[in-house]
Amino acid sequence: ANRHDGDFQTMPNGYDAELLSSVHDEVVKSDQQSNVFSPDAFNIYYAGVLYTEGRDPVPLFEALAEFVKSHPDKPINMVFQGTKNASDYDDIISQLGLGSVVKFVPGAPFRDAIKNMYLSDALLLIQDARFNRQIPGKLYEYLATGKSILLKSPKESATSQEAAPYEGVFQVDEKASI
């Protein structure tokens, strides 16, 4: 069969607005705390998988190590939930002295991950150049929470372009910009 450009449509990712609203109301009404965050620290939350080619956290770790050294009076934690290959980063975390700052926690049901999004101080999204033409559904979930987002992605990426108009999105790419 012959196909024409008009035969195809692109459907962007999205999020479940009802679920996010329900979880938000639950969190607000119950004044919940998360068991994955440190109550006395600024907690940055990442939900999902990491891998060195496509979602590389190492530049973030390097920048975080510099921040921790230069601001010992400002406790900060970076929490990764559901990363199946956390042990891949043990050496770099140890070398940078981030053992008490970077925390990997087991995956959780989707509803619990959304609770953690709301209970965090900021959200982290990593979408490296390998995925410049893709926009993860997680971006829309993060934007819907109204939380500040640290977006590690090239400026020319589809993810950065989609997020650019929103307040509270801080686009970074290399260690220096982080």
N, C-alpha and C. Protein backbone atom coordinates (compact mmCIF):
# COMPACT_ATOMS: atom_id res chain seq x y z
N ALA A 1 0.84 -1.18 0.00
CA ALA A 1 0.00 0.00 0.00
C ALA A 1 0.89 1.24 0.00
N ASN A 2 0.44 2.24 -0.72
CA ASN A 2 1.15 3.52 -0.72
C ASN A 2 0.74 4.33 0.49
N ARG A 3 1.72 4.91 1.15
CA ARG A 3 1.42 5.72 2.33
C ARG A 3 1.84 7.15 2.03
N HIS A 4 1.09 8.07 2.55
CA HIS A 4 1.36 9.49 2.36
C HIS A 4 1.56 10.13 3.72
N ASP A 5 2.23 11.28 3.72
CA ASP A 5 2.48 11.97 4.99
C ASP A 5 1.21 12.16 5.81
N GLY A 6 0.10 12.37 5.17
CA GLY A 6 -1.17 12.58 5.87
C GLY A 6 -1.69 11.34 6.55
N ASP A 7 -1.08 10.19 6.26
CA ASP A 7 -1.53 8.93 6.87
C ASP A 7 -1.02 8.75 8.29
N PHE A 8 -0.09 9.62 8.70
CA PHE A 8 0.54 9.46 10.01
C PHE A 8 0.28 10.67 10.89
N GLN A 9 0.12 10.42 12.15
CA GLN A 9 -0.03 11.49 13.13
C GLN A 9 0.86 11.18 14.31
N THR A 10 1.32 12.23 14.97
CA THR A 10 2.13 12.07 16.18
C THR A 10 1.25 12.33 17.38
N MET A 11 1.32 11.43 18.34
CA MET A 11 0.58 11.61 19.57
C MET A 11 1.59 11.84 20.69
N PRO A 12 1.59 13.02 21.29
CA PRO A 12 2.57 13.27 22.36
C PRO A 12 2.24 12.49 23.63
N ASN A 13 3.26 12.33 24.45
CA ASN A 13 3.04 11.72 25.76
C ASN A 13 2.18 12.63 26.60
N GLY A 14 1.74 12.14 27.70
CA GLY A 14 0.92 12.93 28.61
C GLY A 14 0.99 12.35 30.00
N TYR A 15 -0.03 12.62 30.80
CA TYR A 15 -0.09 12.10 32.16
C TYR A 15 -1.54 11.93 32.56
N ASP A 16 -1.76 11.21 33.63
CA ASP A 16 -3.09 10.95 34.16
C ASP A 16 -3.45 12.06 35.14
N ALA A 17 -4.15 13.07 34.66
CA ALA A 17 -4.46 14.25 35.48
C ALA A 17 -5.29 13.89 36.71
N GLU A 18 -6.23 12.96 36.56
CA GLU A 18 -7.06 12.57 37.70
C GLU A 18 -6.22 11.92 38.80
N LEU A 19 -5.30 11.06 38.41
CA LEU A 19 -4.44 10.39 39.38
C LEU A 19 -3.56 11.41 40.10
N LEU A 20 -2.94 12.30 39.36
CA LEU A 20 -2.07 13.31 39.99
C LEU A 20 -2.87 14.20 40.93
N SER A 21 -4.07 14.58 40.53
CA SER A 21 -4.91 15.42 41.39
C SER A 21 -5.31 14.67 42.66
N SER A 22 -5.66 13.41 42.52
CA SER A 22 -6.05 12.59 43.67
C SER A 22 -4.89 12.44 44.65
N VAL A 23 -3.71 12.15 44.13
CA VAL A 23 -2.54 11.99 44.99
C VAL A 23 -2.18 13.32 45.65
N HIS A 24 -2.25 14.41 44.89
CA HIS A 24 -1.97 15.73 45.46
C HIS A 24 -2.89 16.02 46.64
N ASP A 25 -4.19 15.79 46.45
CA ASP A 25 -5.16 16.04 47.53
C ASP A 25 -4.87 15.17 48.74
N GLU A 26 -4.51 13.92 48.51
CA GLU A 26 -4.18 12.99 49.59
C GLU A 26 -2.96 13.48 50.38
N VAL A 27 -1.94 13.92 49.67
CA VAL A 27 -0.72 14.40 50.31
C VAL A 27 -0.99 15.66 51.12
N VAL A 28 -1.74 16.59 50.55
CA VAL A 28 -2.03 17.86 51.22
C VAL A 28 -2.88 17.63 52.48
N LYS A 29 -3.89 16.81 52.37
CA LYS A 29 -4.80 16.58 53.50
C LYS A 29 -4.14 15.82 54.65
N SER A 30 -3.22 14.92 54.33
CA SER A 30 -2.66 14.08 55.38
C SER A 30 -1.36 14.63 55.95
N ASP A 31 -0.82 15.67 55.34
CA ASP A 31 0.46 16.24 55.78
C ASP A 31 1.51 15.14 55.90
N GLN A 32 1.56 14.29 54.88
CA GLN A 32 2.46 13.13 54.87
C GLN A 32 3.92 13.53 54.77
N GLN A 33 4.77 12.66 55.26
CA GLN A 33 6.21 12.76 55.07
C GLN A 33 6.62 11.54 54.23
N SER A 34 7.71 11.67 53.52
CA SER A 34 8.18 10.54 52.73
C SER A 34 9.29 9.84 53.50
N ASN A 35 9.30 8.52 53.41
CA ASN A 35 10.35 7.76 54.08
C ASN A 35 11.63 7.69 53.25
N VAL A 36 11.64 8.29 52.05
CA VAL A 36 12.85 8.27 51.23
C VAL A 36 13.63 9.59 51.31
N PHE A 37 13.05 10.60 51.92
CA PHE A 37 13.70 11.90 52.00
C PHE A 37 14.22 12.19 53.40
N SER A 38 15.22 13.05 53.48
CA SER A 38 15.74 13.51 54.76
C SER A 38 15.00 14.78 55.15
N PRO A 39 14.38 14.80 56.31
CA PRO A 39 13.54 15.94 56.68
C PRO A 39 14.30 17.26 56.82
N ASP A 40 15.58 17.21 57.08
CA ASP A 40 16.35 18.44 57.29
C ASP A 40 17.15 18.86 56.07
N ALA A 41 16.91 18.25 54.93
CA ALA A 41 17.70 18.54 53.73
C ALA A 41 16.78 19.00 52.59
N PHE A 42 17.40 19.62 51.59
CA PHE A 42 16.72 19.92 50.34
C PHE A 42 16.77 18.64 49.52
N ASN A 43 15.62 18.08 49.17
CA ASN A 43 15.55 16.77 48.53
C ASN A 43 15.17 16.89 47.06
N ILE A 44 16.06 16.40 46.20
CA ILE A 44 15.83 16.35 44.76
C ILE A 44 15.49 14.91 44.42
N TYR A 45 14.42 14.71 43.67
CA TYR A 45 13.89 13.37 43.41
C TYR A 45 13.92 13.03 41.93
N TYR A 46 14.39 11.82 41.65
CA TYR A 46 14.38 11.27 40.30
C TYR A 46 13.66 9.93 40.34
N ALA A 47 12.65 9.77 39.50
CA ALA A 47 11.91 8.51 39.44
C ALA A 47 12.21 7.83 38.11
N GLY A 48 12.78 6.64 38.16
CA GLY A 48 12.97 5.90 36.92
C GLY A 48 14.35 5.33 36.74
N VAL A 49 14.60 4.90 35.52
CA VAL A 49 15.81 4.18 35.15
C VAL A 49 16.92 5.15 34.76
N LEU A 50 18.15 4.75 35.02
CA LEU A 50 19.35 5.47 34.59
C LEU A 50 20.18 4.55 33.73
N TYR A 51 20.94 5.13 32.83
CA TYR A 51 21.96 4.39 32.11
C TYR A 51 22.96 5.38 31.55
N THR A 52 24.20 4.94 31.45
CA THR A 52 25.29 5.85 31.10
C THR A 52 25.13 6.45 29.71
N GLU A 53 24.51 5.75 28.80
CA GLU A 53 24.29 6.30 27.46
C GLU A 53 22.83 6.67 27.32
N GLY A 54 22.50 7.88 27.65
CA GLY A 54 21.13 8.33 27.49
C GLY A 54 20.57 9.02 28.72
N ARG A 55 20.96 8.57 29.88
CA ARG A 55 20.52 9.19 31.14
C ARG A 55 21.67 9.09 32.14
N ASP A 56 22.71 9.82 31.86
CA ASP A 56 23.94 9.74 32.65
C ASP A 56 23.92 10.75 33.79
N PRO A 57 23.92 10.29 35.03
CA PRO A 57 23.89 11.19 36.18
C PRO A 57 25.26 11.70 36.63
N VAL A 58 26.35 11.19 36.05
CA VAL A 58 27.69 11.51 36.57
C VAL A 58 27.97 13.02 36.60
N PRO A 59 27.65 13.80 35.55
CA PRO A 59 27.88 15.25 35.66
C PRO A 59 27.11 15.88 36.83
N LEU A 60 25.94 15.35 37.12
CA LEU A 60 25.17 15.84 38.28
C LEU A 60 25.90 15.51 39.58
N PHE A 61 26.43 14.30 39.67
CA PHE A 61 27.17 13.91 40.87
C PHE A 61 28.38 14.82 41.07
N GLU A 62 29.09 15.11 39.99
CA GLU A 62 30.28 15.96 40.08
C GLU A 62 29.91 17.37 40.55
N ALA A 63 28.85 17.92 39.99
CA ALA A 63 28.40 19.26 40.41
C ALA A 63 27.90 19.23 41.85
N LEU A 64 27.21 18.18 42.21
CA LEU A 64 26.70 18.04 43.57
C LEU A 64 27.85 17.97 44.57
N ALA A 65 28.90 17.26 44.23
CA ALA A 65 30.07 17.17 45.12
C ALA A 65 30.68 18.55 45.35
N GLU A 66 30.77 19.35 44.31
CA GLU A 66 31.29 20.71 44.46
C GLU A 66 30.38 21.55 45.34
N PHE A 67 29.07 21.41 45.15
CA PHE A 67 28.11 22.15 45.97
C PHE A 67 28.25 21.78 47.44
N VAL A 68 28.31 20.48 47.71
CA VAL A 68 28.41 20.00 49.09
C VAL A 68 29.67 20.54 49.76
N LYS A 69 30.79 20.54 49.03
CA LYS A 69 32.04 21.06 49.60
C LYS A 69 31.98 22.56 49.86
N SER A 70 31.38 23.30 48.97
CA SER A 70 31.36 24.75 49.12
C SER A 70 30.20 25.25 49.97
N HIS A 71 29.22 24.41 50.25
CA HIS A 71 28.07 24.80 51.08
C HIS A 71 27.76 23.73 52.13
N PRO A 72 28.69 23.48 53.06
CA PRO A 72 28.44 22.42 54.04
C PRO A 72 27.26 22.73 54.97
N ASP A 73 26.85 23.97 55.00
CA ASP A 73 25.73 24.38 55.86
C ASP A 73 24.37 24.21 55.18
N LYS A 74 24.36 23.72 53.95
CA LYS A 74 23.11 23.55 53.20
C LYS A 74 22.93 22.07 52.83
N PRO A 75 22.32 21.31 53.73
CA PRO A 75 22.15 19.88 53.47
C PRO A 75 21.27 19.63 52.23
N ILE A 76 21.73 18.72 51.42
CA ILE A 76 21.03 18.39 50.18
C ILE A 76 21.10 16.89 49.97
N ASN A 77 20.05 16.34 49.39
CA ASN A 77 20.01 14.92 49.04
C ASN A 77 19.47 14.77 47.63
N MET A 78 20.00 13.81 46.92
CA MET A 78 19.50 13.46 45.60
C MET A 78 19.03 12.01 45.70
N VAL A 79 17.75 11.80 45.52
CA VAL A 79 17.15 10.48 45.71
C VAL A 79 16.71 9.93 44.35
N PHE A 80 17.21 8.74 44.04
CA PHE A 80 16.85 8.05 42.81
C PHE A 80 16.00 6.85 43.19
N GLN A 81 14.79 6.78 42.65
CA GLN A 81 13.91 5.66 42.98
C GLN A 81 13.65 4.81 41.75
N GLY A 82 13.86 3.52 41.90
CA GLY A 82 13.57 2.58 40.83
C GLY A 82 14.69 2.37 39.84
N THR A 83 15.89 2.80 40.19
CA THR A 83 17.04 2.60 39.32
C THR A 83 17.58 1.21 39.55
N LYS A 84 17.46 0.37 38.56
CA LYS A 84 17.85 -1.03 38.73
C LYS A 84 19.36 -1.24 38.74
N ASN A 85 20.12 -0.29 38.19
CA ASN A 85 21.57 -0.46 38.09
C ASN A 85 22.31 0.50 39.03
N ALA A 86 21.78 0.75 40.19
CA ALA A 86 22.37 1.70 41.13
C ALA A 86 23.83 1.37 41.46
N SER A 87 24.15 0.08 41.52
CA SER A 87 25.51 -0.30 41.88
C SER A 87 26.54 0.15 40.84
N ASP A 88 26.10 0.45 39.61
CA ASP A 88 27.01 0.96 38.58
C ASP A 88 27.65 2.27 39.01
N TYR A 89 27.02 2.96 39.94
CA TYR A 89 27.48 4.30 40.34
C TYR A 89 28.16 4.31 41.70
N ASP A 90 28.33 3.16 42.33
CA ASP A 90 28.95 3.08 43.65
C ASP A 90 30.34 3.71 43.68
N ASP A 91 31.17 3.38 42.70
CA ASP A 91 32.55 3.88 42.70
C ASP A 91 32.61 5.40 42.59
N ILE A 92 31.87 5.98 41.64
CA ILE A 92 31.93 7.44 41.46
C ILE A 92 31.33 8.15 42.67
N ILE A 93 30.29 7.61 43.25
CA ILE A 93 29.70 8.22 44.44
C ILE A 93 30.69 8.18 45.59
N SER A 94 31.39 7.08 45.74
CA SER A 94 32.41 6.96 46.78
C SER A 94 33.57 7.92 46.53
N GLN A 95 34.07 7.95 45.30
CA GLN A 95 35.18 8.84 44.95
C GLN A 95 34.85 10.30 45.23
N LEU A 96 33.60 10.69 44.98
CA LEU A 96 33.18 12.08 45.16
C LEU A 96 32.73 12.38 46.59
N GLY A 97 32.72 11.36 47.44
CA GLY A 97 32.31 11.56 48.83
C GLY A 97 30.83 11.87 48.99
N LEU A 98 30.01 11.27 48.14
CA LEU A 98 28.58 11.55 48.16
C LEU A 98 27.74 10.43 48.78
N GLY A 99 28.38 9.53 49.52
CA GLY A 99 27.66 8.40 50.08
C GLY A 99 26.48 8.76 50.95
N SER A 100 26.55 9.89 51.63
CA SER A 100 25.44 10.30 52.49
C SER A 100 24.49 11.29 51.79
N VAL A 101 24.81 11.64 50.55
CA VAL A 101 24.03 12.66 49.83
C VAL A 101 23.17 12.04 48.73
N VAL A 102 23.73 11.09 47.99
CA VAL A 102 23.01 10.42 46.91
C VAL A 102 22.45 9.11 47.46
N LYS A 103 21.15 8.93 47.26
CA LYS A 103 20.50 7.75 47.79
C LYS A 103 19.72 7.06 46.67
N PHE A 104 19.93 5.75 46.56
CA PHE A 104 19.15 4.93 45.64
C PHE A 104 18.18 4.11 46.47
N VAL A 105 16.91 4.18 46.12
CA VAL A 105 15.90 3.43 46.85
C VAL A 105 15.14 2.55 45.85
N PRO A 106 14.59 1.44 46.35
CA PRO A 106 13.89 0.52 45.44
C PRO A 106 12.70 1.19 44.76
N GLY A 107 12.30 0.58 43.66
CA GLY A 107 11.11 1.06 42.96
C GLY A 107 9.89 0.97 43.86
N ALA A 108 8.87 1.69 43.47
CA ALA A 108 7.64 1.74 44.25
C ALA A 108 6.46 1.74 43.29
N PRO A 109 5.29 1.40 43.78
CA PRO A 109 4.11 1.53 42.91
C PRO A 109 4.00 2.96 42.39
N PHE A 110 3.42 3.10 41.21
CA PHE A 110 3.33 4.39 40.54
C PHE A 110 2.73 5.47 41.44
N ARG A 111 1.68 5.15 42.15
CA ARG A 111 1.01 6.12 43.03
C ARG A 111 1.99 6.63 44.10
N ASP A 112 2.82 5.75 44.65
CA ASP A 112 3.80 6.14 45.66
C ASP A 112 4.89 7.03 45.05
N ALA A 113 5.28 6.74 43.81
CA ALA A 113 6.26 7.58 43.13
C ALA A 113 5.69 8.99 42.93
N ILE A 114 4.43 9.07 42.59
CA ILE A 114 3.80 10.39 42.44
C ILE A 114 3.76 11.11 43.78
N LYS A 115 3.46 10.39 44.86
CA LYS A 115 3.50 11.01 46.20
C LYS A 115 4.87 11.59 46.46
N ASN A 116 5.91 10.84 46.13
CA ASN A 116 7.27 11.33 46.34
C ASN A 116 7.57 12.55 45.48
N MET A 117 7.00 12.61 44.29
CA MET A 117 7.17 13.81 43.47
C MET A 117 6.63 15.03 44.22
N TYR A 118 5.45 14.88 44.78
CA TYR A 118 4.84 15.99 45.51
C TYR A 118 5.57 16.30 46.82
N LEU A 119 6.14 15.29 47.45
CA LEU A 119 6.79 15.49 48.74
C LEU A 119 8.24 15.97 48.63
N SER A 120 8.80 15.93 47.42
CA SER A 120 10.18 16.39 47.22
C SER A 120 10.22 17.91 47.18
N ASP A 121 11.44 18.44 47.25
CA ASP A 121 11.63 19.88 47.10
C ASP A 121 11.81 20.27 45.64
N ALA A 122 12.35 19.38 44.84
CA ALA A 122 12.56 19.60 43.41
C ALA A 122 12.65 18.25 42.72
N LEU A 123 12.43 18.26 41.42
CA LEU A 123 12.45 17.04 40.63
C LEU A 123 13.60 17.07 39.64
N LEU A 124 14.11 15.92 39.31
CA LEU A 124 15.23 15.78 38.39
C LEU A 124 14.79 14.93 37.21
N LEU A 125 15.09 15.42 36.01
CA LEU A 125 14.84 14.66 34.80
C LEU A 125 16.11 14.66 33.97
N ILE A 126 16.53 13.49 33.54
CA ILE A 126 17.75 13.34 32.74
C ILE A 126 17.35 12.75 31.39
N GLN A 127 17.63 13.49 30.33
CA GLN A 127 17.30 13.05 28.97
C GLN A 127 18.44 13.53 28.07
N ASP A 128 19.47 12.71 27.92
CA ASP A 128 20.67 13.12 27.21
C ASP A 128 20.49 13.08 25.69
N ALA A 129 21.53 13.50 24.98
CA ALA A 129 21.49 13.70 23.52
C ALA A 129 20.99 12.48 22.75
N ARG A 130 21.24 11.31 23.26
CA ARG A 130 20.77 10.09 22.58
C ARG A 130 19.26 10.14 22.32
N PHE A 131 18.56 10.85 23.18
CA PHE A 131 17.09 10.93 23.08
C PHE A 131 16.62 12.34 22.70
N ASN A 132 17.41 13.06 21.95
CA ASN A 132 17.07 14.44 21.60
C ASN A 132 15.71 14.58 20.92
N ARG A 133 15.25 13.56 20.26
CA ARG A 133 13.99 13.66 19.52
C ARG A 133 12.81 13.08 20.30
N GLN A 134 13.04 12.65 21.53
CA GLN A 134 11.97 12.05 22.32
C GLN A 134 11.66 12.90 23.54
N ILE A 135 10.41 12.92 23.92
CA ILE A 135 9.98 13.62 25.13
C ILE A 135 9.36 12.56 26.05
N PRO A 136 9.95 12.34 27.22
CA PRO A 136 9.40 11.31 28.11
C PRO A 136 8.10 11.78 28.76
N GLY A 137 7.20 10.84 28.98
CA GLY A 137 5.95 11.15 29.68
C GLY A 137 6.21 11.74 31.06
N LYS A 138 7.34 11.36 31.66
CA LYS A 138 7.69 11.87 32.99
C LYS A 138 7.74 13.40 33.02
N LEU A 139 8.16 14.03 31.91
CA LEU A 139 8.20 15.49 31.87
C LEU A 139 6.82 16.07 32.17
N TYR A 140 5.79 15.51 31.58
CA TYR A 140 4.44 16.03 31.77
C TYR A 140 3.95 15.79 33.20
N GLU A 141 4.30 14.65 33.76
CA GLU A 141 3.96 14.40 35.18
C GLU A 141 4.66 15.43 36.06
N TYR A 142 5.95 15.63 35.83
CA TYR A 142 6.71 16.59 36.62
C TYR A 142 6.12 17.99 36.50
N LEU A 143 5.83 18.43 35.28
CA LEU A 143 5.26 19.76 35.08
C LEU A 143 3.92 19.90 35.81
N ALA A 144 3.13 18.84 35.79
CA ALA A 144 1.81 18.87 36.43
C ALA A 144 1.90 19.05 37.95
N THR A 145 3.01 18.65 38.55
CA THR A 145 3.14 18.79 40.01
C THR A 145 3.38 20.25 40.42
N GLY A 146 3.87 21.07 39.50
CA GLY A 146 4.18 22.45 39.83
C GLY A 146 5.50 22.61 40.58
N LYS A 147 6.24 21.53 40.73
CA LYS A 147 7.54 21.58 41.42
C LYS A 147 8.61 22.14 40.49
N SER A 148 9.68 22.67 41.07
CA SER A 148 10.84 23.06 40.27
C SER A 148 11.46 21.80 39.69
N ILE A 149 11.98 21.93 38.47
CA ILE A 149 12.55 20.79 37.77
C ILE A 149 13.97 21.14 37.33
N LEU A 150 14.91 20.28 37.70
CA LEU A 150 16.27 20.36 37.19
C LEU A 150 16.29 19.42 35.99
N LEU A 151 16.39 19.99 34.79
CA LEU A 151 16.32 19.22 33.56
C LEU A 151 17.70 19.13 32.93
N LYS A 152 18.30 17.95 33.02
CA LYS A 152 19.60 17.73 32.39
C LYS A 152 19.34 17.18 31.00
N SER A 153 19.41 18.07 30.02
CA SER A 153 19.15 17.72 28.64
C SER A 153 19.73 18.80 27.75
N PRO A 154 20.23 18.45 26.56
CA PRO A 154 20.75 19.48 25.66
C PRO A 154 19.67 20.51 25.30
N LYS A 155 20.07 21.76 25.14
CA LYS A 155 19.10 22.83 24.83
C LYS A 155 18.33 22.55 23.55
N GLU A 156 18.97 21.89 22.59
CA GLU A 156 18.30 21.64 21.31
C GLU A 156 17.39 20.41 21.35
N SER A 157 17.33 19.71 22.47
CA SER A 157 16.52 18.50 22.56
C SER A 157 15.03 18.84 22.55
N ALA A 158 14.23 17.89 22.11
CA ALA A 158 12.78 18.07 22.13
C ALA A 158 12.28 18.26 23.56
N THR A 159 12.90 17.58 24.51
CA THR A 159 12.51 17.71 25.91
C THR A 159 12.74 19.13 26.41
N SER A 160 13.92 19.68 26.15
CA SER A 160 14.23 21.05 26.58
C SER A 160 13.32 22.06 25.90
N GLN A 161 13.06 21.86 24.62
CA GLN A 161 12.19 22.78 23.88
C GLN A 161 10.77 22.74 24.45
N GLU A 162 10.30 21.56 24.79
CA GLU A 162 8.94 21.43 25.35
C GLU A 162 8.85 22.07 26.73
N ALA A 163 9.91 21.95 27.51
CA ALA A 163 9.90 22.46 28.89
C ALA A 163 10.21 23.95 28.99
N ALA A 164 10.84 24.50 27.97
CA ALA A 164 11.33 25.89 28.02
C ALA A 164 10.29 26.94 28.44
N PRO A 165 9.06 26.87 28.01
CA PRO A 165 8.11 27.93 28.38
C PRO A 165 7.66 27.91 29.84
N TYR A 166 7.97 26.86 30.56
CA TYR A 166 7.45 26.71 31.91
C TYR A 166 8.38 27.33 32.95
N GLU A 167 7.77 28.03 33.91
CA GLU A 167 8.54 28.58 35.02
C GLU A 167 9.01 27.43 35.91
N GLY A 168 10.15 27.63 36.53
CA GLY A 168 10.64 26.64 37.47
C GLY A 168 11.38 25.48 36.84
N VAL A 169 11.61 25.53 35.52
CA VAL A 169 12.38 24.50 34.85
C VAL A 169 13.77 25.06 34.61
N PHE A 170 14.77 24.40 35.16
CA PHE A 170 16.14 24.84 35.05
C PHE A 170 16.88 23.86 34.17
N GLN A 171 17.13 24.26 32.92
CA GLN A 171 17.74 23.40 31.94
C GLN A 171 19.26 23.48 32.08
N VAL A 172 19.89 22.31 32.20
CA VAL A 172 21.35 22.21 32.32
C VAL A 172 21.79 21.06 31.42
N ASP A 173 23.09 21.04 31.13
CA ASP A 173 23.59 19.96 30.30
C ASP A 173 24.91 19.44 30.84
N GLU A 174 25.91 20.29 30.88
CA GLU A 174 27.23 19.92 31.36
C GLU A 174 27.42 20.28 32.83
N LYS A 175 28.46 19.75 33.41
CA LYS A 175 28.76 19.99 34.83
C LYS A 175 28.78 21.49 35.16
N ALA A 176 29.38 22.29 34.29
CA ALA A 176 29.50 23.73 34.55
C ALA A 176 28.14 24.41 34.68
N SER A 177 27.19 24.05 33.84
CA SER A 177 25.87 24.68 33.91
C SER A 177 25.05 24.15 35.09
N ILE A 178 25.36 22.94 35.51
CA ILE A 178 24.64 22.35 36.64
C ILE A 178 25.01 23.11 37.90
